[in-house]
């Protein structure tokens, strides 16, 4: 859907796509790997590579809390993307974006988000985020206003 959304609306400057991190938590430890991956993606964003990093993380996701994303692997993703690893590692090790991720999570909870993905069109939740036609209909209604 992302590619279609870009082609139909973003490339034409009709909509803005905003990404926010939301970590689904089942228990006390669940979510730590996802949290660290979210922080790492923000460090990649410093080098203009958020979406590339996002894509490599999601392509390698095998489940939460199963050891898929230890810090060393998140750093290896940065290396595989040919990021400046000194800059990336310094950012990642510092926890520079931990508060940003926490803020995204708090904002999402405040909006009633309880699963991923969750999509909104002008602050209205999309009932089925996997149904492009429904998303498109909501966008078209808003564009007509």
N, C-alpha and C. Protein backbone atom coordinates (compact mmCIF):
# COMPACT_ATOMS: atom_id res chain seq x y z
N UNK A 1 0.81 -1.20 0.00
CA UNK A 1 0.00 0.00 0.00
C UNK A 1 0.85 1.26 0.00
N UNK A 2 1.99 1.19 0.64
CA UNK A 2 2.83 2.37 0.76
C UNK A 2 3.20 2.94 -0.61
N UNK A 3 3.64 2.07 -1.51
CA UNK A 3 4.03 2.53 -2.84
C UNK A 3 2.85 3.17 -3.57
N UNK A 4 1.68 2.58 -3.42
CA UNK A 4 0.49 3.13 -4.08
C UNK A 4 0.11 4.48 -3.48
N UNK A 5 0.20 4.59 -2.17
CA UNK A 5 -0.09 5.85 -1.49
C UNK A 5 0.86 6.95 -1.96
N UNK A 6 2.12 6.60 -2.09
CA UNK A 6 3.11 7.56 -2.58
C UNK A 6 2.76 8.01 -3.99
N UNK A 7 2.49 7.05 -4.85
CA UNK A 7 2.18 7.37 -6.25
C UNK A 7 0.90 8.20 -6.37
N UNK A 8 -0.14 7.81 -5.65
CA UNK A 8 -1.44 8.45 -5.80
C UNK A 8 -1.53 9.82 -5.13
N UNK A 9 -0.83 10.02 -4.03
CA UNK A 9 -1.05 11.24 -3.25
C UNK A 9 0.22 11.98 -2.83
N UNK A 10 1.19 11.29 -2.28
CA UNK A 10 2.36 11.98 -1.78
C UNK A 10 3.17 12.63 -2.89
N UNK A 11 3.38 11.92 -3.98
CA UNK A 11 4.16 12.45 -5.10
C UNK A 11 3.51 13.69 -5.70
N UNK A 12 2.21 13.80 -5.55
CA UNK A 12 1.47 14.95 -6.08
C UNK A 12 1.32 16.06 -5.04
N UNK A 13 1.87 15.83 -3.86
CA UNK A 13 1.80 16.84 -2.81
C UNK A 13 0.42 17.02 -2.21
N UNK A 14 -0.44 16.02 -2.34
CA UNK A 14 -1.81 16.13 -1.84
C UNK A 14 -1.96 15.73 -0.38
N UNK A 15 -1.07 14.87 0.11
CA UNK A 15 -1.14 14.44 1.51
C UNK A 15 0.27 14.42 2.10
N UNK A 16 0.28 14.42 3.41
CA UNK A 16 1.54 14.27 4.14
C UNK A 16 1.45 12.95 4.90
N UNK A 17 2.50 12.18 4.80
CA UNK A 17 2.55 10.89 5.50
C UNK A 17 3.47 11.07 6.70
N UNK A 18 2.95 10.78 7.87
CA UNK A 18 3.70 10.93 9.10
C UNK A 18 3.82 9.57 9.76
N UNK A 19 5.00 9.24 10.21
CA UNK A 19 5.25 7.95 10.85
C UNK A 19 5.51 8.19 12.33
N UNK A 20 4.89 7.38 13.17
CA UNK A 20 5.15 7.44 14.61
C UNK A 20 5.38 6.02 15.11
N UNK A 21 6.26 5.92 16.06
CA UNK A 21 6.57 4.61 16.64
C UNK A 21 5.51 4.23 17.66
N UNK A 22 5.13 2.96 17.65
CA UNK A 22 4.23 2.43 18.67
C UNK A 22 4.67 1.02 18.98
N UNK A 23 5.00 0.78 20.21
CA UNK A 23 5.49 -0.52 20.64
C UNK A 23 4.36 -1.26 21.34
N UNK A 24 3.96 -2.37 20.77
CA UNK A 24 2.93 -3.21 21.38
C UNK A 24 3.58 -4.00 22.50
N UNK A 25 2.98 -3.94 23.68
CA UNK A 25 3.58 -4.59 24.83
C UNK A 25 2.62 -5.61 25.42
N UNK A 26 3.12 -6.83 25.58
CA UNK A 26 2.32 -7.89 26.21
C UNK A 26 2.73 -8.12 27.66
N UNK A 27 3.93 -7.75 27.99
CA UNK A 27 4.44 -8.00 29.33
C UNK A 27 5.57 -7.04 29.64
N UNK A 28 6.19 -7.22 30.78
CA UNK A 28 7.20 -6.27 31.26
C UNK A 28 8.37 -6.13 30.29
N UNK A 29 8.84 -7.23 29.73
CA UNK A 29 10.01 -7.17 28.85
C UNK A 29 9.66 -7.01 27.38
N UNK A 30 8.46 -7.38 27.01
CA UNK A 30 8.08 -7.31 25.62
C UNK A 30 8.14 -5.88 25.14
N UNK A 31 8.69 -5.70 23.98
CA UNK A 31 8.77 -4.37 23.41
C UNK A 31 10.17 -3.79 23.42
N UNK A 32 11.08 -4.34 24.23
CA UNK A 32 12.41 -3.76 24.30
C UNK A 32 13.14 -3.82 22.96
N UNK A 33 13.05 -4.94 22.27
CA UNK A 33 13.71 -5.04 20.97
C UNK A 33 13.10 -4.05 19.98
N UNK A 34 11.81 -3.94 19.98
CA UNK A 34 11.15 -2.99 19.09
C UNK A 34 11.50 -1.56 19.46
N UNK A 35 11.58 -1.29 20.73
CA UNK A 35 11.97 0.05 21.20
C UNK A 35 13.37 0.39 20.70
N UNK A 36 14.28 -0.54 20.85
CA UNK A 36 15.66 -0.29 20.41
C UNK A 36 15.72 -0.14 18.89
N UNK A 37 14.92 -0.92 18.17
CA UNK A 37 14.88 -0.79 16.71
C UNK A 37 14.31 0.58 16.32
N UNK A 38 13.31 1.05 17.05
CA UNK A 38 12.74 2.37 16.78
C UNK A 38 13.80 3.45 17.00
N UNK A 39 14.53 3.35 18.10
CA UNK A 39 15.59 4.31 18.37
C UNK A 39 16.65 4.26 17.27
N UNK A 40 16.99 3.07 16.84
CA UNK A 40 18.00 2.91 15.79
C UNK A 40 17.53 3.56 14.49
N UNK A 41 16.24 3.41 14.18
CA UNK A 41 15.73 4.01 12.94
C UNK A 41 15.85 5.53 12.98
N UNK A 42 15.70 6.11 14.13
CA UNK A 42 15.85 7.56 14.26
C UNK A 42 17.31 7.98 14.09
N UNK A 43 18.22 7.14 14.53
CA UNK A 43 19.64 7.42 14.29
C UNK A 43 19.95 7.33 12.80
N UNK A 44 19.34 6.39 12.12
CA UNK A 44 19.50 6.29 10.66
C UNK A 44 18.91 7.52 9.98
N UNK A 45 17.83 8.05 10.55
CA UNK A 45 17.20 9.25 9.98
C UNK A 45 18.14 10.44 9.99
N UNK A 46 19.05 10.49 10.96
CA UNK A 46 20.03 11.57 10.98
C UNK A 46 20.88 11.59 9.71
N UNK A 47 20.97 10.43 9.07
CA UNK A 47 21.75 10.32 7.83
C UNK A 47 20.83 10.21 6.61
N UNK A 48 19.57 10.56 6.80
CA UNK A 48 18.62 10.56 5.69
C UNK A 48 18.19 9.18 5.24
N UNK A 49 18.29 8.19 6.13
CA UNK A 49 18.01 6.81 5.72
C UNK A 49 16.96 6.13 6.60
N UNK A 50 16.03 6.91 7.15
CA UNK A 50 15.00 6.32 8.00
C UNK A 50 14.27 5.19 7.30
N UNK A 51 13.76 5.46 6.09
CA UNK A 51 12.92 4.46 5.42
C UNK A 51 13.71 3.22 5.03
N UNK A 52 14.95 3.39 4.63
CA UNK A 52 15.78 2.23 4.32
C UNK A 52 15.98 1.37 5.57
N UNK A 53 16.23 2.05 6.69
CA UNK A 53 16.43 1.31 7.94
C UNK A 53 15.12 0.65 8.38
N UNK A 54 14.05 1.38 8.31
CA UNK A 54 12.72 0.85 8.61
C UNK A 54 12.47 -0.43 7.82
N UNK A 55 12.75 -0.36 6.52
CA UNK A 55 12.48 -1.51 5.64
C UNK A 55 13.32 -2.72 6.00
N UNK A 56 14.59 -2.52 6.35
CA UNK A 56 15.44 -3.66 6.68
C UNK A 56 15.01 -4.29 8.01
N UNK A 57 14.57 -3.47 8.95
CA UNK A 57 14.08 -4.00 10.22
C UNK A 57 12.83 -4.85 10.00
N UNK A 58 11.86 -4.32 9.26
CA UNK A 58 10.63 -5.06 9.04
C UNK A 58 10.85 -6.31 8.19
N UNK A 59 11.80 -6.26 7.28
CA UNK A 59 12.11 -7.43 6.45
C UNK A 59 12.74 -8.55 7.27
N UNK A 60 13.34 -8.20 8.40
CA UNK A 60 14.03 -9.19 9.24
C UNK A 60 13.29 -9.51 10.52
N UNK A 61 12.09 -9.02 10.68
CA UNK A 61 11.30 -9.24 11.89
C UNK A 61 10.82 -10.69 11.95
N UNK A 62 11.04 -11.33 13.09
CA UNK A 62 10.59 -12.71 13.26
C UNK A 62 9.67 -12.88 14.47
N UNK A 63 9.48 -11.82 15.23
CA UNK A 63 8.63 -11.89 16.41
C UNK A 63 9.24 -11.08 17.53
N UNK A 64 8.40 -10.68 18.45
CA UNK A 64 8.85 -9.84 19.56
C UNK A 64 9.40 -10.70 20.69
N UNK A 65 10.51 -10.23 21.25
CA UNK A 65 11.08 -10.88 22.42
C UNK A 65 11.74 -12.22 22.14
N UNK A 66 12.13 -12.47 20.89
CA UNK A 66 12.75 -13.74 20.55
C UNK A 66 14.23 -13.59 20.20
N UNK A 67 14.78 -12.40 20.42
CA UNK A 67 16.20 -12.19 20.19
C UNK A 67 16.56 -11.78 18.78
N UNK A 68 15.59 -11.34 18.01
CA UNK A 68 15.83 -10.96 16.62
C UNK A 68 16.68 -9.71 16.50
N UNK A 69 16.50 -8.76 17.41
CA UNK A 69 17.14 -7.46 17.27
C UNK A 69 18.02 -7.07 18.47
N UNK A 70 19.04 -7.87 18.75
CA UNK A 70 19.99 -7.38 19.76
C UNK A 70 20.71 -6.15 19.20
N UNK A 71 21.26 -5.34 20.08
CA UNK A 71 21.91 -4.11 19.64
C UNK A 71 22.95 -4.36 18.55
N UNK A 72 23.71 -5.43 18.67
CA UNK A 72 24.76 -5.70 17.67
C UNK A 72 24.17 -5.91 16.28
N UNK A 73 22.98 -6.50 16.21
CA UNK A 73 22.36 -6.71 14.90
C UNK A 73 21.79 -5.40 14.35
N UNK A 74 21.24 -4.58 15.22
CA UNK A 74 20.74 -3.28 14.77
C UNK A 74 21.89 -2.43 14.22
N UNK A 75 23.05 -2.55 14.84
CA UNK A 75 24.24 -1.85 14.34
C UNK A 75 24.70 -2.45 13.01
N UNK A 76 24.57 -3.76 12.87
CA UNK A 76 24.95 -4.42 11.61
C UNK A 76 24.05 -3.97 10.46
N UNK A 77 22.78 -3.71 10.76
CA UNK A 77 21.89 -3.19 9.71
C UNK A 77 22.41 -1.86 9.20
N UNK A 78 22.84 -1.01 10.12
CA UNK A 78 23.38 0.30 9.73
C UNK A 78 24.60 0.13 8.84
N UNK A 79 25.44 -0.82 9.20
CA UNK A 79 26.63 -1.09 8.40
C UNK A 79 26.25 -1.60 7.01
N UNK A 80 25.25 -2.49 6.95
CA UNK A 80 24.84 -3.04 5.66
C UNK A 80 24.24 -1.97 4.75
N UNK A 81 23.69 -0.92 5.36
CA UNK A 81 23.15 0.20 4.58
C UNK A 81 24.22 1.24 4.25
N UNK A 82 25.44 0.93 4.68
CA UNK A 82 26.59 1.82 4.44
C UNK A 82 26.40 3.20 5.08
N UNK A 83 25.79 3.19 6.26
CA UNK A 83 25.71 4.44 7.02
C UNK A 83 27.07 4.72 7.63
N UNK A 84 27.28 5.94 8.04
CA UNK A 84 28.49 6.28 8.81
C UNK A 84 28.32 5.60 10.16
N UNK A 85 28.99 4.47 10.35
CA UNK A 85 28.74 3.66 11.54
C UNK A 85 29.24 4.33 12.81
N UNK A 86 30.28 5.14 12.73
CA UNK A 86 30.71 5.87 13.92
C UNK A 86 29.61 6.81 14.40
N UNK A 87 29.02 7.54 13.48
CA UNK A 87 27.93 8.46 13.82
C UNK A 87 26.72 7.68 14.31
N UNK A 88 26.36 6.63 13.58
CA UNK A 88 25.19 5.83 13.96
C UNK A 88 25.38 5.22 15.36
N UNK A 89 26.52 4.58 15.58
CA UNK A 89 26.76 3.91 16.87
C UNK A 89 26.78 4.90 18.03
N UNK A 90 27.37 6.08 17.82
CA UNK A 90 27.39 7.09 18.89
C UNK A 90 25.97 7.53 19.22
N UNK A 91 25.17 7.74 18.20
CA UNK A 91 23.77 8.12 18.40
C UNK A 91 23.03 7.01 19.13
N UNK A 92 23.13 5.80 18.61
CA UNK A 92 22.40 4.66 19.16
C UNK A 92 22.80 4.37 20.61
N UNK A 93 24.11 4.34 20.86
CA UNK A 93 24.60 4.04 22.21
C UNK A 93 24.21 5.10 23.22
N UNK A 94 24.02 6.33 22.76
CA UNK A 94 23.68 7.43 23.67
C UNK A 94 22.22 7.40 24.12
N UNK A 95 21.37 6.68 23.38
CA UNK A 95 19.94 6.68 23.69
C UNK A 95 19.28 8.01 23.35
N UNK A 96 19.87 8.73 22.42
CA UNK A 96 19.42 10.07 22.05
C UNK A 96 17.92 10.14 21.73
N UNK A 97 17.37 9.09 21.14
CA UNK A 97 15.98 9.15 20.69
C UNK A 97 15.00 8.38 21.57
N UNK A 98 15.44 7.94 22.73
CA UNK A 98 14.55 7.20 23.63
C UNK A 98 13.33 8.03 24.00
N UNK A 99 13.52 9.31 24.32
CA UNK A 99 12.40 10.16 24.70
C UNK A 99 11.46 10.37 23.51
N UNK A 100 12.01 10.52 22.31
CA UNK A 100 11.16 10.69 21.13
C UNK A 100 10.25 9.47 20.94
N UNK A 101 10.82 8.29 21.11
CA UNK A 101 10.03 7.06 20.98
C UNK A 101 8.97 7.01 22.07
N UNK A 102 9.34 7.36 23.32
CA UNK A 102 8.37 7.40 24.40
C UNK A 102 7.25 8.39 24.10
N UNK A 103 7.61 9.55 23.55
CA UNK A 103 6.60 10.56 23.21
C UNK A 103 5.64 10.05 22.13
N UNK A 104 6.19 9.34 21.12
CA UNK A 104 5.33 8.75 20.09
C UNK A 104 4.35 7.76 20.69
N UNK A 105 4.84 6.93 21.59
CA UNK A 105 4.00 5.92 22.22
C UNK A 105 2.90 6.59 23.04
N UNK A 106 3.26 7.60 23.82
CA UNK A 106 2.27 8.32 24.64
C UNK A 106 1.21 8.97 23.77
N UNK A 107 1.64 9.58 22.68
CA UNK A 107 0.68 10.22 21.76
C UNK A 107 -0.26 9.18 21.17
N UNK A 108 0.28 8.03 20.78
CA UNK A 108 -0.54 6.97 20.20
C UNK A 108 -1.56 6.45 21.20
N UNK A 109 -1.12 6.21 22.42
CA UNK A 109 -2.03 5.74 23.46
C UNK A 109 -3.15 6.76 23.66
N UNK A 110 -2.80 8.04 23.65
CA UNK A 110 -3.79 9.09 23.80
C UNK A 110 -4.81 9.12 22.67
N UNK A 111 -4.40 8.65 21.51
CA UNK A 111 -5.31 8.58 20.36
C UNK A 111 -6.09 7.27 20.31
N UNK A 112 -5.83 6.39 21.29
CA UNK A 112 -6.55 5.12 21.35
C UNK A 112 -5.91 4.01 20.54
N UNK A 113 -4.68 4.19 20.11
CA UNK A 113 -3.99 3.15 19.35
C UNK A 113 -3.70 1.97 20.26
N UNK A 114 -4.00 0.76 19.75
CA UNK A 114 -3.70 -0.44 20.52
C UNK A 114 -3.12 -1.55 19.66
N UNK A 115 -2.82 -1.23 18.40
CA UNK A 115 -2.23 -2.24 17.52
C UNK A 115 -1.47 -1.54 16.39
N UNK A 116 -0.67 -2.32 15.70
CA UNK A 116 0.04 -1.79 14.54
C UNK A 116 -0.27 -2.68 13.34
N UNK A 117 -0.36 -2.11 12.18
CA UNK A 117 -0.33 -0.67 11.94
C UNK A 117 -1.67 -0.03 12.27
N UNK A 118 -1.63 1.23 12.61
CA UNK A 118 -2.82 2.03 12.77
C UNK A 118 -2.64 3.26 11.89
N UNK A 119 -3.64 3.56 11.11
CA UNK A 119 -3.58 4.71 10.21
C UNK A 119 -4.67 5.70 10.58
N UNK A 120 -4.36 6.98 10.37
CA UNK A 120 -5.33 8.04 10.58
C UNK A 120 -5.36 8.92 9.34
N UNK A 121 -6.50 9.44 9.03
CA UNK A 121 -6.66 10.47 8.01
C UNK A 121 -7.29 11.66 8.73
N UNK A 122 -6.52 12.73 8.85
CA UNK A 122 -6.98 13.91 9.60
C UNK A 122 -7.56 13.53 10.96
N UNK A 123 -6.78 12.77 11.71
CA UNK A 123 -7.12 12.36 13.07
C UNK A 123 -8.29 11.39 13.18
N UNK A 124 -8.75 10.87 12.06
CA UNK A 124 -9.81 9.86 12.07
C UNK A 124 -9.18 8.50 11.79
N UNK A 125 -9.36 7.52 12.67
CA UNK A 125 -8.75 6.22 12.43
C UNK A 125 -9.34 5.52 11.21
N UNK A 126 -8.47 4.85 10.47
CA UNK A 126 -8.88 4.05 9.33
C UNK A 126 -9.28 2.68 9.89
N UNK A 127 -10.52 2.27 9.65
CA UNK A 127 -11.04 1.05 10.25
C UNK A 127 -10.22 -0.19 9.88
N UNK A 128 -9.85 -0.30 8.62
CA UNK A 128 -9.07 -1.46 8.17
C UNK A 128 -7.81 -0.93 7.48
N UNK A 129 -6.69 -0.87 8.20
CA UNK A 129 -5.48 -0.29 7.63
C UNK A 129 -4.87 -1.10 6.48
N UNK A 130 -5.42 -2.26 6.21
CA UNK A 130 -4.92 -3.09 5.11
C UNK A 130 -5.81 -2.97 3.86
N UNK A 131 -6.85 -2.15 3.95
CA UNK A 131 -7.79 -1.98 2.85
C UNK A 131 -7.50 -0.64 2.17
N UNK A 132 -6.76 -0.69 1.07
CA UNK A 132 -6.37 0.55 0.40
C UNK A 132 -7.59 1.32 -0.13
N UNK A 133 -8.59 0.64 -0.60
CA UNK A 133 -9.78 1.32 -1.12
C UNK A 133 -10.45 2.15 -0.03
N UNK A 134 -10.52 1.61 1.18
CA UNK A 134 -11.13 2.34 2.30
C UNK A 134 -10.28 3.55 2.66
N UNK A 135 -8.98 3.37 2.69
CA UNK A 135 -8.07 4.48 2.96
C UNK A 135 -8.21 5.56 1.89
N UNK A 136 -8.23 5.13 0.66
CA UNK A 136 -8.35 6.06 -0.46
C UNK A 136 -9.67 6.84 -0.38
N UNK A 137 -10.72 6.17 -0.02
CA UNK A 137 -12.02 6.84 0.10
C UNK A 137 -11.96 7.93 1.17
N UNK A 138 -11.35 7.63 2.31
CA UNK A 138 -11.22 8.62 3.37
C UNK A 138 -10.39 9.81 2.90
N UNK A 139 -9.32 9.54 2.20
CA UNK A 139 -8.46 10.62 1.69
C UNK A 139 -9.24 11.48 0.71
N UNK A 140 -9.95 10.84 -0.20
CA UNK A 140 -10.72 11.60 -1.19
C UNK A 140 -11.78 12.48 -0.57
N UNK A 141 -12.43 12.00 0.48
CA UNK A 141 -13.42 12.82 1.20
C UNK A 141 -12.74 14.05 1.78
N UNK A 142 -11.58 13.85 2.38
CA UNK A 142 -10.87 14.98 2.98
C UNK A 142 -10.36 15.95 1.92
N UNK A 143 -9.89 15.44 0.81
CA UNK A 143 -9.40 16.31 -0.27
C UNK A 143 -10.52 17.14 -0.88
N UNK A 144 -11.73 16.61 -0.85
CA UNK A 144 -12.88 17.31 -1.43
C UNK A 144 -13.37 18.45 -0.54
N UNK A 145 -12.96 18.45 0.71
CA UNK A 145 -13.40 19.51 1.65
C UNK A 145 -12.78 20.83 1.32
